[in-house]
Amino acid sequence: MAHQPFASAPHVVGKSPTAENGIPAEESLCPVVSHTWVNSEYKHLVVEASPKALEVKPGQFFNLLCPSPDEGELWLRRPQSVYRIDHEHGRIEFLYKCVGRGTYGLATLERGQALNMVGPLGVGFSMHPAWKHIVVLGRGVGLATMAPISQLAAERGVGVTAILSARSPEFVMAQDLFANVGHVISVLDTDGTSAVENVEAILGSLIAQRRADAFFTCGSNRLFQLMKRLGREQGIPGQIAMEQVMACGLGPCYVCVRTFEVNGKKELRRVCIEGPVFDLQEAVGW
């Protein structure tokens, strides 16, 4: 008996017909529009995207097939959250840190080559209609994850205060993007402003001014714990995008399982399929 293919061929952007409706994710080959260094550690990647990929929601991610940076093979894809969704030009952008073989391999992609990616994957952020002002707090690669939800909030007329935490001014990325959608506060390790006590004072002031209807965070465990505590004490809802090593990105492998606390009980959840966005009060940390 002849074997039937398990999956369809990748969607080739600009060549394949539009994917049928109802399919939540797809594999697609996306031409690289630009790929530049932002600083000594981070790169900004822009690709042409398929209609299905452009349906990605803030907080969701794609599993990227990275070229090998050396003679060895790369067996697993690398998950990357979306930095910007450009519907007008049909593009998706990623802002990522080069930290290992996968991301250093990804960094070798040049303009005109194709990025193979699977997605959109996971559960994204949600916005309540009653919220008038949100606070986003990101550090490192978490800054990229905070960008799309900030853009969505601005499109809906919701005020945004973006607290951008970094080691030094060089690593405070995307300031222009956040400035276009709200108010930016940079906190740094070099001058001590990123200390938990100072960030707590900033959040306390925003709460007092009624400019904190909800919290969103990614990228720092200590600042996440601060937001969680203040959210619990002040009755402010929040969401966190979890960063986690993944294998399949689709759920079956259970590599990305983390512990959460729900109604006083510990339970295990897969970051890739039941997240990566979770309720701030249910997340334990990493």
Protein backbone atom coordinates (compact mmCIF):
# COMPACT_ATOMS: atom_id res chain seq x y z
CA MET A 1 0.00 0.00 0.00
CA ALA A 2 1.39 3.42 -0.93
CA HIS A 3 2.31 5.73 1.92
CA GLN A 4 0.46 9.01 2.15
CA PRO A 5 2.47 12.17 2.97
CA PHE A 6 2.25 13.19 6.62
CA ALA A 7 2.41 16.91 5.87
CA SER A 8 2.05 19.24 2.92
CA ALA A 9 4.99 20.94 1.22
CA PRO A 10 6.06 24.30 2.69
CA HIS A 11 4.18 27.40 1.59
CA VAL A 12 6.57 29.38 -0.60
CA VAL A 13 5.86 33.08 -0.11
CA GLY A 14 5.08 34.74 -3.42
CA LYS A 15 4.67 31.44 -5.26
CA SER A 16 2.30 29.07 -3.44
CA PRO A 17 -1.46 29.63 -3.46
CA THR A 18 -3.07 30.93 -0.30
CA ALA A 19 -3.44 28.25 2.38
CA GLU A 20 -6.91 26.96 3.09
CA ASN A 21 -8.80 28.57 5.95
CA GLY A 22 -9.04 26.87 9.32
CA ILE A 23 -5.43 25.70 9.49
CA PRO A 24 -3.89 27.29 12.61
CA ALA A 25 -0.25 27.02 11.51
CA GLU A 26 1.86 26.17 8.50
CA GLU A 27 5.43 25.65 7.37
CA SER A 28 6.50 28.47 5.08
CA LEU A 29 9.58 29.59 3.14
CA CYS A 30 9.95 33.32 3.64
CA PRO A 31 12.37 35.51 1.64
CA VAL A 32 14.72 37.56 3.80
CA VAL A 33 14.18 41.27 3.21
CA SER A 34 16.89 42.52 5.57
CA HIS A 35 19.08 41.12 8.34
CA THR A 36 21.22 43.55 10.31
CA TRP A 37 23.11 43.80 13.60
CA VAL A 38 21.45 46.09 16.14
CA ASN A 39 24.42 45.96 18.50
CA SER A 40 27.17 43.51 19.41
CA GLU A 41 24.74 40.73 20.43
CA TYR A 42 21.37 41.24 18.72
CA LYS A 43 20.19 41.00 15.13
CA HIS A 44 17.04 42.32 13.44
CA LEU A 45 15.53 39.98 10.84
CA VAL A 46 12.76 41.01 8.42
CA VAL A 47 11.05 38.47 6.15
CA GLU A 48 8.20 38.45 3.65
CA ALA A 49 5.42 36.41 5.22
CA SER A 50 2.54 34.27 4.03
CA PRO A 51 -1.07 35.30 4.73
CA LYS A 52 -1.27 32.56 7.37
CA ALA A 53 1.90 33.75 9.10
CA LEU A 54 0.58 37.32 9.16
CA GLU A 55 -2.32 36.10 11.29
CA VAL A 56 0.13 35.76 14.21
CA LYS A 57 -1.05 37.38 17.45
CA PRO A 58 1.17 39.31 19.88
CA GLY A 59 2.91 36.83 22.17
CA GLN A 60 2.78 33.91 19.74
CA PHE A 61 5.96 32.52 18.18
CA PHE A 62 7.42 30.75 15.17
CA ASN A 63 9.75 27.74 15.18
CA LEU A 64 12.63 28.66 12.90
CA LEU A 65 14.83 26.25 10.96
CA CYS A 66 18.31 27.70 11.44
CA PRO A 67 21.22 27.01 9.08
CA SER A 68 24.18 25.33 10.78
CA PRO A 69 27.03 27.75 11.60
CA ASP A 70 29.62 24.97 11.30
CA GLU A 71 30.12 21.45 9.98
CA GLY A 72 27.74 19.88 12.50
CA GLU A 73 24.01 19.43 12.07
CA LEU A 74 21.26 21.35 13.83
CA TRP A 75 18.52 18.86 14.65
CA LEU A 76 15.98 21.17 16.27
CA ARG A 77 14.28 24.38 15.28
CA ARG A 78 14.59 27.48 17.48
CA PRO A 79 11.49 29.26 18.83
CA GLN A 80 11.36 33.02 18.27
CA SER A 81 8.65 35.43 19.37
CA VAL A 82 7.52 38.05 16.88
CA TYR A 83 8.95 41.55 17.20
CA ARG A 84 6.74 43.35 14.70
CA ILE A 85 3.83 42.43 12.42
CA ASP A 86 3.81 44.65 9.34
CA HIS A 87 0.48 43.95 7.65
CA GLU A 88 0.87 46.85 5.22
CA HIS A 89 4.00 45.39 3.63
CA GLY A 90 3.27 41.72 4.35
CA ARG A 91 6.29 41.27 6.59
CA ILE A 92 7.18 39.80 9.96
CA GLU A 93 10.17 40.92 12.02
CA PHE A 94 12.28 39.17 14.64
CA LEU A 95 14.72 40.70 17.13
CA TYR A 96 16.93 38.03 18.64
CA LYS A 97 20.12 37.50 20.61
CA CYS A 98 22.94 35.33 19.27
CA VAL A 99 23.69 32.95 22.14
CA GLY A 100 24.28 29.48 20.68
CA ARG A 101 24.73 27.44 17.52
CA GLY A 102 21.12 27.87 16.48
CA THR A 103 20.97 31.66 16.64
CA TYR A 104 24.51 32.05 15.30
CA GLY A 105 23.42 29.88 12.38
CA LEU A 106 20.31 31.99 11.95
CA ALA A 107 22.55 35.05 11.86
CA THR A 108 24.19 33.76 8.65
CA LEU A 109 21.01 34.18 6.60
CA GLU A 110 21.40 36.90 4.00
CA ARG A 111 19.00 39.06 2.04
CA GLY A 112 17.37 37.07 -0.76
CA GLN A 113 17.72 33.72 1.00
CA ALA A 114 14.67 31.97 2.50
CA LEU A 115 13.83 31.39 6.15
CA ASN A 116 11.91 28.18 6.86
CA MET A 117 9.49 28.75 9.72
CA VAL A 118 6.53 26.98 11.30
CA GLY A 119 3.73 28.92 12.90
CA PRO A 120 2.02 30.87 14.25
CA LEU A 121 2.31 28.74 17.41
CA GLY A 122 1.20 28.96 21.02
CA VAL A 123 -1.18 31.19 22.97
CA GLY A 124 -0.72 34.95 22.70
CA PHE A 125 -1.59 37.95 24.84
CA SER A 126 -5.16 39.11 25.41
CA MET A 127 -6.56 42.61 25.91
CA HIS A 128 -9.62 43.41 28.03
CA PRO A 129 -11.87 46.13 26.55
CA ALA A 130 -12.06 47.93 29.92
CA TRP A 131 -8.31 48.57 30.14
CA LYS A 132 -7.32 52.17 29.43
CA HIS A 133 -3.61 52.02 30.25
CA ILE A 134 -1.19 49.11 30.43
CA VAL A 135 2.38 48.73 31.66
CA VAL A 136 4.83 46.57 29.73
CA LEU A 137 8.17 45.60 31.25
CA GLY A 138 10.81 43.88 29.18
CA ARG A 139 14.49 43.05 29.46
CA GLY A 140 16.85 41.61 26.85
CA VAL A 141 14.98 39.53 24.29
CA GLY A 142 11.85 40.26 26.31
CA LEU A 143 11.82 43.71 24.74
CA ALA A 144 10.99 42.13 21.40
CA THR A 145 8.08 40.18 22.88
CA MET A 146 6.62 43.34 24.45
CA ALA A 147 6.59 45.27 21.17
CA PRO A 148 3.56 43.68 19.42
CA ILE A 149 1.23 43.92 22.44
CA SER A 150 2.26 47.57 22.84
CA GLN A 151 1.44 48.24 19.19
CA LEU A 152 -1.92 46.49 19.51
CA ALA A 153 -2.79 48.50 22.62
CA ALA A 154 -1.98 51.76 20.85
CA GLU A 155 -4.12 50.77 17.86
CA ARG A 156 -7.02 50.29 20.27
CA GLY A 157 -6.48 53.66 21.94
CA VAL A 158 -4.99 52.17 25.11
CA GLY A 159 -2.17 54.09 26.78
CA VAL A 160 1.17 52.29 27.13
CA THR A 161 4.03 52.82 29.55
CA ALA A 162 7.04 50.75 28.49
CA ILE A 163 9.73 50.07 31.09
CA LEU A 164 12.83 48.89 29.19
CA SER A 165 15.47 47.21 31.34
CA ALA A 166 19.01 46.58 30.08
CA ARG A 167 22.64 46.18 31.14
CA SER A 168 23.70 49.43 29.46
CA PRO A 169 22.37 52.01 26.96
CA GLU A 170 23.67 49.88 24.06
CA PHE A 171 21.15 47.17 24.88
CA VAL A 172 18.07 49.36 25.31
CA MET A 173 16.57 48.37 21.98
CA ALA A 174 13.47 49.47 20.08
CA GLN A 175 13.12 52.75 21.96
CA ASP A 176 11.73 54.46 18.85
CA LEU A 177 9.11 51.75 18.40
CA PHE A 178 7.89 52.01 21.99
CA ALA A 179 8.04 55.83 21.91
CA ASN A 180 5.67 55.80 18.94
CA VAL A 181 3.02 53.95 20.94
CA GLY A 182 3.46 55.31 24.46
CA HIS A 183 5.77 56.58 27.18
CA VAL A 184 9.23 55.00 27.58
CA ILE A 185 11.19 54.62 30.82
CA SER A 186 14.67 53.10 30.48
CA VAL A 187 16.28 51.48 33.52
CA LEU A 188 19.91 50.38 33.43
CA ASP A 189 22.36 48.25 35.37
CA THR A 190 25.14 50.76 34.70
CA ASP A 191 23.50 53.54 36.70
CA GLY A 192 21.57 51.35 39.14
CA THR A 193 18.12 52.37 37.93
CA SER A 194 17.27 48.75 37.04
CA ALA A 195 17.35 47.79 40.72
CA VAL A 196 14.15 46.19 41.92
CA GLU A 197 13.60 48.97 44.46
CA ASN A 198 13.69 51.67 41.79
CA VAL A 199 11.44 49.76 39.39
CA GLU A 200 9.01 49.20 42.27
CA ALA A 201 8.90 52.95 42.87
CA ILE A 202 8.16 53.55 39.17
CA LEU A 203 5.36 50.98 39.19
CA GLY A 204 3.99 52.39 42.43
CA SER A 205 3.79 55.84 40.87
CA LEU A 206 1.98 54.50 37.82
CA ILE A 207 -0.49 52.65 40.04
CA ALA A 208 -1.13 55.83 42.06
CA GLN A 209 -1.78 57.72 38.82
CA ARG A 210 -4.19 55.01 37.69
CA ARG A 211 -2.04 54.27 34.66
CA ALA A 212 -1.70 50.55 35.36
CA ASP A 213 -4.86 48.62 34.50
CA ALA A 214 -2.77 45.56 33.55
CA PHE A 215 0.82 44.33 33.64
CA PHE A 216 2.71 42.58 30.81
CA THR A 217 6.25 41.28 31.18
CA CYS A 218 8.99 39.11 29.68
CA GLY A 219 12.72 38.63 30.09
CA SER A 220 13.57 39.09 33.78
CA ASN A 221 12.71 36.76 36.64
CA ARG A 222 13.36 39.32 39.39
CA LEU A 223 11.23 41.99 37.71
CA PHE A 224 8.52 39.43 36.95
CA GLN A 225 8.40 38.51 40.65
CA LEU A 226 8.05 42.21 41.47
CA MET A 227 5.15 42.68 39.05
CA LYS A 228 3.52 39.51 40.35
CA ARG A 229 3.68 40.74 43.95
CA LEU A 230 2.39 44.22 43.15
CA GLY A 231 -0.33 42.76 40.95
CA ARG A 232 -1.47 40.49 43.79
CA GLU A 233 -1.37 43.29 46.38
CA GLN A 234 -3.10 45.88 44.17
CA GLY A 235 -5.52 43.61 42.33
CA ILE A 236 -3.95 44.32 38.95
CA PRO A 237 -4.22 41.53 36.35
CA GLY A 238 -1.17 40.57 34.37
CA GLN A 239 0.33 38.27 31.76
CA ILE A 240 3.82 36.90 31.29
CA ALA A 241 5.46 35.49 28.17
CA MET A 242 7.66 32.61 29.32
CA GLU A 243 11.07 31.93 27.78
CA GLN A 244 11.85 28.23 27.55
CA VAL A 245 13.95 25.74 25.62
CA MET A 246 11.76 23.72 23.23
CA ALA A 247 12.23 20.71 20.99
CA CYS A 248 9.14 20.27 18.81
CA GLY A 249 7.26 23.49 19.62
CA LEU A 250 4.00 21.59 19.02
CA GLY A 251 3.35 19.85 22.35
CA PRO A 252 4.16 16.12 21.98
CA CYS A 253 7.76 16.14 23.27
CA TYR A 254 7.08 17.76 26.70
CA VAL A 255 10.58 19.28 26.80
CA CYS A 256 9.24 22.74 27.68
CA VAL A 257 7.15 21.72 30.70
CA ARG A 258 7.23 24.15 33.64
CA THR A 259 5.50 24.27 37.02
CA PHE A 260 2.58 26.62 37.61
CA GLU A 261 0.43 27.28 40.67
CA VAL A 262 -3.29 27.29 39.98
CA ASN A 263 -5.82 27.74 42.79
CA GLY A 264 -3.19 26.81 45.35
CA LYS A 265 -2.12 23.62 43.58
CA LYS A 266 0.99 22.92 41.53
CA GLU A 267 0.47 21.72 37.97
CA LEU A 268 2.66 21.14 34.93
CA ARG A 269 2.05 22.95 31.66
CA ARG A 270 3.77 22.98 28.29
CA VAL A 271 5.06 26.44 27.43
CA CYS A 272 4.80 25.84 23.67
CA ILE A 273 1.16 24.81 23.48
CA GLU A 274 -0.50 26.09 26.68
CA GLY A 275 1.61 29.25 26.54
CA PRO A 276 4.00 30.91 26.04
CA VAL A 277 1.70 33.55 27.54
CA PHE A 278 0.34 32.75 31.00
CA ASP A 279 -1.51 34.46 33.81
CA LEU A 280 1.02 36.43 35.87
CA GLN A 281 -0.26 35.02 39.16
CA GLU A 282 -0.10 31.40 38.02
CA ALA A 283 3.51 31.53 36.80
CA VAL A 284 6.14 30.47 39.33
CA GLY A 285 9.26 31.69 37.51
CA TRP A 286 12.35 30.19 35.95
